[in-house]
Protein backbone atom coordinates (compact mmCIF):
# COMPACT_ATOMS: atom_id res chain seq x y z
CA MET A 1 26.09 -27.61 -14.22
CA SER A 2 28.86 -25.34 -12.57
CA GLN A 3 32.31 -26.08 -11.56
CA PRO A 4 32.02 -27.20 -7.80
CA GLU A 5 33.34 -25.42 -5.02
CA ARG A 6 34.40 -27.23 -1.93
CA PHE A 7 33.29 -26.17 1.66
CA GLU A 8 34.10 -27.07 5.08
CA ILE A 9 30.84 -26.73 6.77
CA LEU A 10 28.00 -26.00 4.39
CA VAL A 11 24.56 -25.31 5.84
CA LEU A 12 21.30 -24.80 3.81
CA GLY A 13 19.13 -22.30 5.17
CA SER A 14 19.78 -19.64 7.87
CA GLY A 15 18.11 -20.17 10.93
CA ALA A 16 18.69 -20.36 14.51
CA GLY A 17 20.77 -23.05 14.44
CA GLY A 18 21.94 -22.78 11.12
CA LYS A 19 23.77 -19.37 11.42
CA LEU A 20 25.20 -20.24 14.75
CA LEU A 21 26.84 -23.03 13.61
CA ALA A 22 28.37 -21.07 10.56
CA TRP A 23 29.72 -18.55 12.68
CA HIS A 24 31.23 -20.60 15.37
CA MET A 25 32.92 -22.99 12.80
CA ALA A 26 34.01 -19.97 10.38
CA ARG A 27 35.51 -18.11 13.22
CA ALA A 28 37.35 -21.14 14.07
CA GLY A 29 38.76 -20.76 10.66
CA ARG A 30 36.96 -23.26 9.13
CA ARG A 31 35.27 -22.25 5.35
CA THR A 32 32.07 -21.65 5.42
CA ALA A 33 28.97 -21.36 3.26
CA VAL A 34 24.92 -20.71 4.07
CA VAL A 35 22.61 -21.10 1.62
CA GLU A 36 19.19 -18.64 1.82
CA ARG A 37 16.28 -18.61 0.33
CA ARG A 38 14.83 -15.09 1.48
CA TYR A 39 14.95 -14.09 4.94
CA ILE A 40 18.35 -13.47 6.76
CA GLY A 41 18.48 -15.18 9.91
CA GLY A 42 15.46 -17.17 9.18
CA SER A 43 11.69 -16.70 10.20
CA CYS A 44 12.20 -15.90 13.74
CA PRO A 45 13.43 -12.16 13.75
CA ASN A 46 11.78 -11.84 9.85
CA ILE A 47 8.23 -12.80 10.09
CA ASN A 48 7.24 -15.07 13.22
CA CYS A 49 8.24 -14.96 16.93
CA MET A 50 10.20 -11.46 16.59
CA PRO A 51 7.50 -9.43 14.50
CA SER A 52 4.85 -11.29 16.13
CA LYS A 53 5.60 -10.09 19.74
CA ASN A 54 6.26 -6.61 18.54
CA GLU A 55 2.55 -6.12 17.13
CA ILE A 56 1.65 -8.08 20.15
CA TRP A 57 3.30 -5.37 22.58
CA SER A 58 1.74 -2.56 20.37
CA ALA A 59 -1.78 -4.29 20.74
CA LYS A 60 -1.13 -4.32 24.68
CA VAL A 61 -0.54 -0.51 24.66
CA SER A 62 -3.86 0.00 22.76
CA HIS A 63 -5.35 -1.91 25.43
CA LEU A 64 -3.71 0.06 28.07
CA VAL A 65 -4.88 3.30 26.41
CA ARG A 66 -8.35 2.21 26.27
CA HIS A 67 -8.27 1.20 30.07
CA ALA A 68 -5.92 4.65 31.00
CA ALA A 69 -9.44 5.33 33.32
CA GLN A 70 -9.01 2.42 35.51
CA PHE A 71 -5.67 3.53 36.51
CA GLY A 72 -6.27 7.29 37.14
CA THR A 73 -5.23 8.46 33.82
CA SER A 74 -7.31 10.24 31.66
CA ILE A 75 -7.32 10.18 27.86
CA THR A 76 -8.95 13.26 26.04
CA GLY A 77 -11.04 12.07 22.40
CA SER A 78 -11.19 8.91 21.20
CA ALA A 79 -8.10 6.28 21.02
CA THR A 80 -7.20 5.27 17.70
CA VAL A 81 -4.79 2.35 15.92
CA ASP A 82 -3.08 3.26 13.22
CA MET A 83 -2.01 -0.25 11.62
CA ALA A 84 1.00 1.33 9.25
CA LYS A 85 2.65 2.91 12.08
CA VAL A 86 1.93 -0.70 13.94
CA ARG A 87 3.63 -2.02 10.87
CA GLN A 88 6.07 0.26 10.28
CA ARG A 89 7.36 -0.18 13.43
CA LYS A 90 7.48 -3.96 13.04
CA ARG A 91 9.84 -3.15 10.30
CA ASP A 92 12.39 -1.35 11.79
CA MET A 93 12.97 -3.56 14.23
CA VAL A 94 12.83 -6.05 11.54
CA GLU A 95 15.21 -4.20 9.58
CA ALA A 96 17.38 -3.69 12.33
CA GLU A 97 17.67 -7.66 13.08
CA VAL A 98 18.67 -8.30 9.44
CA ALA A 99 21.37 -5.70 9.76
CA ALA A 100 23.29 -7.72 12.87
CA HIS A 101 22.84 -10.70 11.14
CA LEU A 102 24.43 -9.52 8.12
CA GLU A 103 27.01 -7.79 10.27
CA ASN A 104 27.84 -11.26 12.14
CA TYR A 105 28.59 -12.93 8.62
CA ARG A 106 30.68 -10.75 7.63
CA ALA A 107 32.42 -10.53 11.26
CA SER A 108 32.84 -14.34 11.22
CA GLY A 109 33.90 -14.70 7.77
CA ALA A 110 30.81 -17.34 6.52
CA GLN A 111 29.59 -17.03 3.31
CA LEU A 112 26.01 -16.02 2.95
CA ILE A 113 25.03 -16.97 -0.08
CA MET A 114 21.27 -15.82 -1.28
CA GLY A 115 19.34 -18.17 -3.60
CA THR A 116 17.29 -21.53 -3.68
CA GLY A 117 19.15 -24.98 -2.75
CA ARG A 118 18.77 -28.31 -4.16
CA PHE A 119 20.79 -31.34 -3.04
CA VAL A 120 21.67 -33.19 -6.93
CA GLY A 121 24.38 -35.71 -5.11
CA PRO A 122 25.53 -36.49 -1.61
CA LYS A 123 26.85 -33.26 0.04
CA THR A 124 26.31 -31.54 -3.05
CA LEU A 125 23.98 -28.50 -3.74
CA GLU A 126 22.76 -26.92 -6.53
CA VAL A 127 22.07 -22.95 -5.89
CA ARG A 128 20.05 -20.58 -8.24
CA LEU A 129 21.20 -17.81 -7.15
CA ASN A 130 18.58 -14.92 -6.49
CA ASP A 131 20.59 -12.49 -9.09
CA GLY A 132 21.04 -14.73 -11.27
CA GLY A 133 22.81 -18.14 -12.21
CA THR A 134 23.41 -21.06 -10.15
CA ARG A 135 26.76 -22.21 -7.90
CA THR A 136 26.99 -26.22 -6.95
CA LEU A 137 28.44 -26.09 -3.70
CA VAL A 138 29.87 -29.41 -2.06
CA GLY A 139 30.38 -30.02 1.91
CA ASP A 140 32.59 -31.91 4.17
CA HIS A 141 29.53 -31.63 6.99
CA VAL A 142 26.53 -30.89 5.56
CA PHE A 143 23.47 -29.36 7.95
CA ILE A 144 19.70 -29.04 6.88
CA ASN A 145 18.06 -26.26 8.67
CA VAL A 146 15.38 -25.56 6.17
CA GLY A 147 12.37 -25.11 8.91
CA THR A 148 8.80 -25.27 8.66
CA ARG A 149 5.56 -23.10 6.52
CA PRO A 150 2.04 -22.74 7.67
CA ALA A 151 -0.15 -25.65 6.66
CA ILE A 152 -3.16 -24.87 5.10
CA PRO A 153 -5.96 -27.42 5.69
CA ASN A 154 -7.95 -29.11 3.31
CA VAL A 155 -11.03 -27.25 3.11
CA GLN A 156 -13.61 -26.40 0.14
CA GLY A 157 -12.87 -22.97 -1.19
CA LEU A 158 -10.33 -22.61 1.53
CA GLU A 159 -7.51 -22.06 -0.50
CA ALA A 160 -9.17 -19.78 -3.34
CA ALA A 161 -10.07 -17.88 -0.75
CA ARG A 162 -6.23 -16.84 -0.36
CA PRO A 163 -6.55 -16.88 3.42
CA MET A 164 -3.31 -15.28 5.41
CA THR A 165 -1.15 -16.90 7.36
CA ASN A 166 0.62 -15.44 10.09
CA VAL A 167 3.50 -13.69 7.86
CA GLU A 168 0.89 -11.74 5.78
CA ALA A 169 -1.44 -10.98 9.19
CA LEU A 170 1.43 -9.16 10.26
CA GLU A 171 1.73 -7.16 6.98
CA LEU A 172 -2.08 -5.77 7.19
CA ASP A 173 -2.00 -1.96 7.32
CA TYR A 174 -5.62 -1.65 8.23
CA VAL A 175 -7.94 -3.14 11.08
CA PRO A 176 -10.11 -5.91 9.72
CA ALA A 177 -13.55 -5.44 10.64
CA HIS A 178 -14.16 -9.26 11.21
CA LEU A 179 -10.86 -11.14 11.12
CA ILE A 180 -12.05 -15.28 11.32
CA VAL A 181 -8.94 -17.57 12.76
CA LEU A 182 -8.88 -20.81 12.08
CA GLY A 183 -6.89 -23.01 14.68
CA GLY A 184 -7.20 -22.37 18.26
CA GLY A 185 -2.86 -22.94 18.83
CA TYR A 186 -0.89 -20.75 20.57
CA VAL A 187 -0.01 -18.69 16.90
CA GLY A 188 -3.77 -18.26 16.14
CA LEU A 189 -4.52 -17.14 20.09
CA GLU A 190 -1.95 -14.37 19.73
CA LEU A 191 -2.86 -13.15 16.80
CA ALA A 192 -6.51 -13.31 17.51
CA GLN A 193 -6.14 -11.52 21.07
CA ALA A 194 -4.04 -8.97 19.30
CA TYR A 195 -6.62 -8.04 16.39
CA ARG A 196 -9.21 -7.81 18.87
CA ARG A 197 -7.15 -5.05 20.74
CA PHE A 198 -6.29 -3.45 17.82
CA GLY A 199 -10.53 -3.46 17.25
CA SER A 200 -11.15 -6.04 14.65
CA GLU A 201 -14.32 -8.26 15.54
CA VAL A 202 -12.88 -12.01 16.45
CA THR A 203 -13.90 -15.29 15.84
CA VAL A 204 -11.54 -18.87 16.54
CA ILE A 205 -12.52 -21.70 15.00
CA GLU A 206 -10.93 -24.74 16.94
CA HIS A 207 -11.43 -28.04 14.83
CA GLY A 208 -10.45 -29.71 18.02
CA ALA A 209 -12.37 -30.27 21.54
CA GLN A 210 -10.36 -27.70 23.23
CA LEU A 211 -7.97 -24.99 22.60
CA MET A 212 -4.41 -25.53 23.03
CA SER A 213 -4.38 -29.31 22.18
CA ARG A 214 -1.57 -29.92 24.34
CA GLU A 215 -2.51 -28.52 27.45
CA ASP A 216 -4.60 -29.48 30.23
CA PRO A 217 -8.18 -29.10 29.89
CA ASP A 218 -7.91 -26.62 33.50
CA VAL A 219 -5.16 -24.51 31.48
CA SER A 220 -7.06 -24.40 28.09
CA LYS A 221 -10.47 -23.49 30.11
CA GLU A 222 -9.09 -20.43 32.01
CA VAL A 223 -7.22 -19.46 28.63
CA GLN A 224 -10.52 -19.43 26.79
CA ARG A 225 -12.63 -17.72 29.94
CA ILE A 226 -10.19 -14.92 29.54
CA LEU A 227 -10.05 -14.55 25.77
CA ALA A 228 -13.82 -14.74 25.96
CA ALA A 229 -14.57 -11.71 28.10
CA GLU A 230 -12.40 -9.36 25.61
CA GLY A 231 -14.93 -10.40 23.53
CA ILE A 232 -13.35 -13.07 21.15
CA ARG A 233 -16.01 -15.59 20.12
CA LEU A 234 -14.67 -19.44 20.74
CA LEU A 235 -15.66 -22.02 18.93
CA VAL A 236 -14.76 -25.30 19.85
CA GLY A 237 -15.31 -28.70 18.28
CA ALA A 238 -16.25 -27.13 15.07
CA GLN A 239 -15.02 -28.05 11.43
CA THR A 240 -15.02 -25.46 8.87
CA LEU A 241 -16.95 -27.11 5.77
CA ARG A 242 -16.40 -24.51 2.86
CA VAL A 243 -15.29 -21.04 2.31
CA ASP A 244 -16.52 -18.59 0.18
CA GLY A 245 -15.68 -15.51 -1.04
CA GLN A 246 -12.17 -13.73 -0.35
CA SER A 247 -10.23 -12.92 2.52
CA GLY A 248 -9.44 -9.09 2.64
CA ARG A 249 -13.22 -8.78 0.98
CA ASP A 250 -15.60 -10.49 2.29
CA VAL A 251 -15.82 -14.13 3.08
CA SER A 252 -18.12 -16.52 4.57
CA LEU A 253 -17.42 -19.77 6.56
CA VAL A 254 -19.79 -22.89 7.23
CA VAL A 255 -19.38 -24.83 10.20
CA ARG A 256 -20.46 -27.75 11.71
CA THR A 257 -21.09 -27.39 15.41
CA THR A 258 -22.63 -29.48 18.10
CA ASN A 259 -25.61 -27.04 17.03
CA GLY A 260 -25.22 -27.82 13.72
CA GLU A 261 -24.18 -25.74 10.74
CA HIS A 262 -24.06 -22.12 11.03
CA THR A 263 -22.50 -19.64 8.51
CA ILE A 264 -20.05 -16.86 9.65
CA GLN A 265 -19.61 -14.01 8.01
CA GLY A 266 -16.13 -11.94 8.06
CA SER A 267 -13.79 -9.63 6.21
CA ASP A 268 -10.61 -11.04 6.71
CA VAL A 269 -9.49 -15.30 7.18
CA LEU A 270 -6.19 -16.24 9.20
CA VAL A 271 -4.99 -19.69 8.94
CA ALA A 272 -3.39 -20.84 11.83
CA ALA A 273 -3.36 -24.74 11.62
CA GLY A 274 -0.11 -25.77 12.33
CA ARG A 275 2.80 -26.24 10.50
CA MET A 276 4.83 -28.53 7.87
CA PRO A 277 8.04 -29.07 7.25
CA ASN A 278 10.37 -27.44 4.03
CA THR A 279 11.86 -30.19 3.27
CA ASP A 280 9.82 -31.48 -0.11
CA GLY A 281 11.39 -30.52 -3.63
CA ILE A 282 14.65 -30.12 -2.15
CA GLY A 283 16.34 -33.25 -2.99
CA LEU A 284 16.60 -34.66 0.04
CA LYS A 285 16.45 -38.27 -2.10
CA GLU A 286 19.45 -37.69 -4.12
CA ALA A 287 21.66 -36.88 -0.97
CA GLY A 288 20.52 -40.02 0.48
CA VAL A 289 18.65 -38.50 3.43
CA GLU A 290 15.52 -40.09 4.84
CA LEU A 291 12.23 -38.68 6.35
CA ASN A 292 10.33 -39.85 8.68
CA GLU A 293 6.34 -40.32 8.11
CA HIS A 294 5.35 -36.67 8.80
CA GLY A 295 7.64 -35.49 6.56
CA TYR A 296 10.88 -34.40 8.44
CA VAL A 297 14.04 -35.08 8.08
CA ARG A 298 15.14 -38.90 10.12
CA VAL A 299 17.37 -38.36 12.91
CA ASN A 300 19.19 -39.58 15.83
CA ASP A 301 19.57 -38.20 19.25
CA ARG A 302 22.84 -36.68 18.28
CA LEU A 303 20.56 -34.70 14.89
CA GLU A 304 22.70 -37.51 12.62
CA THR A 305 20.46 -38.07 9.23
CA SER A 306 20.79 -41.56 7.16
CA ALA A 307 23.11 -39.60 5.38
CA PRO A 308 27.12 -39.73 6.05
CA GLY A 309 28.22 -36.35 6.98
CA VAL A 310 24.95 -34.89 6.86
CA TRP A 311 22.88 -33.31 10.04
CA ALA A 312 19.54 -31.81 10.43
CA ILE A 313 18.98 -28.69 12.95
CA GLY A 314 15.78 -27.01 14.23
CA GLU A 315 11.92 -27.93 13.15
CA SER A 316 13.05 -29.98 9.88
CA ALA A 317 14.54 -32.12 12.07
CA GLY A 318 11.38 -32.74 13.95
CA SER A 319 12.85 -30.82 16.89
CA PRO A 320 9.91 -28.80 19.08
CA GLN A 321 9.17 -25.80 17.37
CA PHE A 322 10.87 -23.43 19.28
CA THR A 323 13.68 -21.10 18.16
CA HIS A 324 15.31 -21.82 21.76
CA VAL A 325 15.20 -25.57 20.77
CA SER A 326 17.22 -24.93 17.58
CA VAL A 327 20.17 -23.04 19.51
CA ASP A 328 20.19 -26.15 21.78
CA ASP A 329 20.35 -28.09 18.36
CA PHE A 330 23.66 -26.04 17.93
CA ARG A 331 25.06 -26.46 20.68
CA ILE A 332 24.33 -30.69 20.87
CA ILE A 333 26.07 -30.56 17.19
CA ARG A 334 29.19 -28.16 18.32
CA ASP A 335 29.69 -30.48 20.94
CA ASN A 336 29.79 -33.34 19.47
CA LEU A 337 31.62 -32.67 16.34
CA GLU A 338 34.05 -31.35 19.09
CA GLY A 339 34.14 -34.84 20.83
CA ARG A 340 32.01 -34.15 23.83
CA LYS A 341 28.98 -35.98 23.87
CA ARG A 342 25.25 -34.35 24.07
CA SER A 343 22.19 -35.85 23.08
CA THR A 344 18.78 -33.84 22.73
CA ARG A 345 16.94 -36.96 24.74
CA ASP A 346 15.56 -35.44 28.06
CA ARG A 347 15.71 -32.17 27.67
CA LEU A 348 13.77 -30.04 29.74
CA VAL A 349 12.05 -27.35 27.12
CA PRO A 350 10.22 -24.41 28.54
CA LEU A 351 7.08 -23.07 26.17
CA CYS A 352 5.30 -19.77 26.28
CA MET A 353 2.42 -18.34 24.84
CA PHE A 354 2.07 -14.44 24.63
CA THR A 355 -1.17 -13.78 24.94
CA ASP A 356 -1.88 -11.27 27.72
CA PRO A 357 -1.49 -12.54 30.31
CA PRO A 358 1.22 -15.50 28.73
CA LEU A 359 0.79 -19.19 29.18
CA ALA A 360 4.07 -20.32 30.00
CA ARG A 361 4.94 -24.02 30.94
CA VAL A 362 7.86 -26.25 31.20
CA GLY A 363 8.18 -30.22 32.17
CA MET A 364 5.37 -32.26 32.39
CA THR A 365 1.53 -31.53 32.09
CA GLU A 366 -1.50 -33.61 34.35
CA GLY A 367 -2.48 -35.27 30.54
CA GLU A 368 1.32 -36.50 30.32
CA ALA A 369 1.41 -37.73 33.53
CA GLN A 370 -1.35 -39.95 33.31
CA ARG A 371 -0.69 -41.48 29.78
CA LEU A 372 2.85 -42.73 31.65
CA ARG A 373 0.75 -43.93 34.91
CA LEU A 374 2.42 -41.41 37.04
CA THR A 375 0.05 -39.72 40.36
CA PRO A 376 2.03 -36.95 41.45
CA ARG A 377 1.27 -34.74 43.77
CA VAL A 378 -0.39 -31.29 42.69
CA ALA A 379 -1.24 -28.00 43.56
CA ARG A 380 -2.55 -24.78 42.42
CA LEU A 381 -2.68 -21.08 43.32
CA PRO A 382 -4.72 -18.55 41.84
CA ILE A 383 -2.92 -15.29 40.75
CA SER A 384 -5.10 -13.17 42.24
CA ALA A 385 -3.63 -14.94 45.60
CA VAL A 386 0.12 -12.97 44.78
CA LEU A 387 -0.03 -9.63 45.87
CA ARG A 388 1.98 -8.31 43.31
CA ALA A 389 -1.22 -8.52 41.18
CA HIS A 390 -2.94 -6.96 43.37
CA THR A 391 -0.50 -3.62 42.75
CA THR A 392 -0.96 -4.13 38.77
CA ASP A 393 -4.78 -4.83 38.89
CA GLU A 394 -3.34 -8.18 36.95
CA ARG A 395 -5.28 -10.69 38.56
CA GLU A 396 -6.04 -13.10 35.59
CA GLY A 397 -5.18 -17.18 35.72
CA PHE A 398 -3.31 -19.46 38.14
CA MET A 399 0.01 -21.58 38.75
CA LYS A 400 0.18 -25.16 39.36
CA VAL A 401 2.72 -27.67 40.08
CA LEU A 402 3.17 -31.18 39.59
CA ILE A 403 5.86 -32.56 42.54
CA GLY A 404 7.35 -36.56 42.14
CA ASP A 405 7.72 -39.03 44.40
CA ASP A 406 11.29 -38.27 45.21
CA GLU A 407 9.88 -34.08 46.10
CA ARG A 408 11.50 -32.83 43.01
CA ILE A 409 9.03 -30.90 40.59
CA LEU A 410 7.80 -32.69 37.65
CA GLY A 411 6.33 -29.71 35.39
CA PHE A 412 4.94 -26.13 35.80
CA THR A 413 2.70 -24.29 34.17
CA MET A 414 1.55 -20.93 34.86
CA ILE A 415 -1.24 -18.35 33.29
CA GLY A 416 -0.45 -15.05 34.77
CA ALA A 417 1.29 -12.05 34.19
CA GLU A 418 4.90 -12.54 34.15
CA ALA A 419 4.71 -16.06 33.43
CA ASP A 420 7.40 -16.41 30.96
CA GLY A 421 10.05 -14.98 33.93
CA VAL A 422 8.89 -17.24 37.01
CA MET A 423 8.64 -20.19 34.97
CA THR A 424 12.49 -19.38 34.28
CA VAL A 425 12.69 -19.90 37.68
CA VAL A 426 11.40 -23.12 37.97
CA GLN A 427 13.12 -24.51 35.08
CA THR A 428 16.21 -23.56 37.00
CA ALA A 429 15.19 -25.66 39.79
CA MET A 430 14.04 -28.31 37.72
CA LEU A 431 18.08 -28.37 36.33
CA ALA A 432 19.47 -28.08 39.71
CA LYS A 433 17.27 -31.22 40.45
CA LEU A 434 16.24 -29.79 43.64
CA PRO A 435 13.59 -30.41 46.03
CA HIS A 436 10.66 -28.26 45.91
CA SER A 437 11.06 -27.37 49.24
CA MET A 438 14.10 -25.37 48.33
CA LEU A 439 12.49 -23.41 46.41
CA ARG A 440 9.13 -23.18 48.86
CA ASP A 441 11.65 -21.89 51.70
CA ALA A 442 13.79 -19.32 49.37
CA ILE A 443 13.72 -15.79 50.18
CA LEU A 444 12.00 -13.98 47.17
CA THR A 445 11.49 -10.87 46.51
CA HIS A 446 8.42 -9.09 47.82
CA PRO A 447 6.16 -7.80 45.62
CA THR A 448 6.59 -9.83 42.91
CA MET A 449 5.06 -12.62 41.21
CA ALA A 450 7.50 -15.20 41.72
CA GLU A 451 6.91 -14.54 44.88
CA GLY A 452 3.99 -16.82 44.53
CA LEU A 453 6.05 -19.96 43.58
CA GLY A 454 6.59 -19.68 47.74
CA SER A 455 2.76 -19.90 48.25
CA LEU A 456 1.95 -22.40 45.47
CA LEU A 457 4.66 -25.01 46.80
CA ALA A 458 3.34 -24.57 50.27
CA ASN A 459 0.23 -26.14 49.17
CA VAL A 460 1.57 -29.06 48.22
CA PRO A 461 -0.02 -31.99 49.57
CA PRO A 462 1.94 -33.83 52.13
CA MET A 463 3.10 -37.67 50.39
CA SER A 464 0.39 -40.52 51.47
CA THR A 465 1.22 -42.99 53.74
């Protein structure tokens, strides 16, 4: 073992929450080091959120070009997709993001150490450096920020077929002839629609009873209807029994549905069936850090682990798997370290699926309300009733709101153009604990999608007496 080097702040993994903590502490004069195995800045700017949204936008442009005549523009000749250029546009963005991260490390004074870290004792990391050699690092305060990775289901022949995950799908330089997607969650549906718009035949196989298992049935059905209308084949309640062949060449899947067994022939397989924590093989037992039954680091509501002086951040701590939540984890840890009490309890976490139109939600679903034995008043509004949609012809989807007995908004869901921005308006009202009538009666700019909130909230049923 090399001679130990001591740091005041030691972070394993350079994802959103960890890097922000490192830069903050280094700027405050604390000797800080971040150990990163591969992706500078973590998965979000390199292989997940930002790259996927980049390629999804390229797919939307392709879709708009193909439908240009609807808006009065004539395209001479046939439109073609150059996936090499799509990929290069994405790579250029990633390169710029990484450069910005490196500048933040330089400016803050935090030391970035590229290598694979493993705990060899309490608050002690042995790092196998990417360019050779090892370093032993000891931290006064240690932060585990190792994230998650795609899970590969235990299906006969699947691993041997060498399926893609979202990482490989975003590096394709060709349009798959027939892309088969295992998983009907956010990642699977985003990429299914993108590749359909690039020109692939696409089949989605979802094992559960509906797409997006955590959403209300009406939300799932509307998303399914929209995607099916684009020509995506969706098999729900389907079990994949066997995979033969190799993804990228020729592959077949045997699937059991309510109608019996079927064989689906395709060219490429994308697995988007959930994620698992990167907590195995990094010496957490030696560090005295306990895991929960799902393999995530066990933490309290201040994100402290079972080991004194050790915290966990982001997905590896079991936090909701969004970059914006990891950023809030950073704020919680920062404030507690500086003597201001903050907790992960009762956080209002927004989420968005970036299909077109997008799905955005904040707060409670109807299903969650039922499980809590609540009976909120529910109002709905079709997007076609919002005048902004008449100007753009983006009329798919609906808004839905749940109102509690105290007249406050308990939850909001929207499938429709600009849903992410409209949802943020509602989230702000919820954070301010405003009665829904304040937003209902607000002067909202015409014609915008947010203007639909006035009509939606005007539909809220009166309280029963």
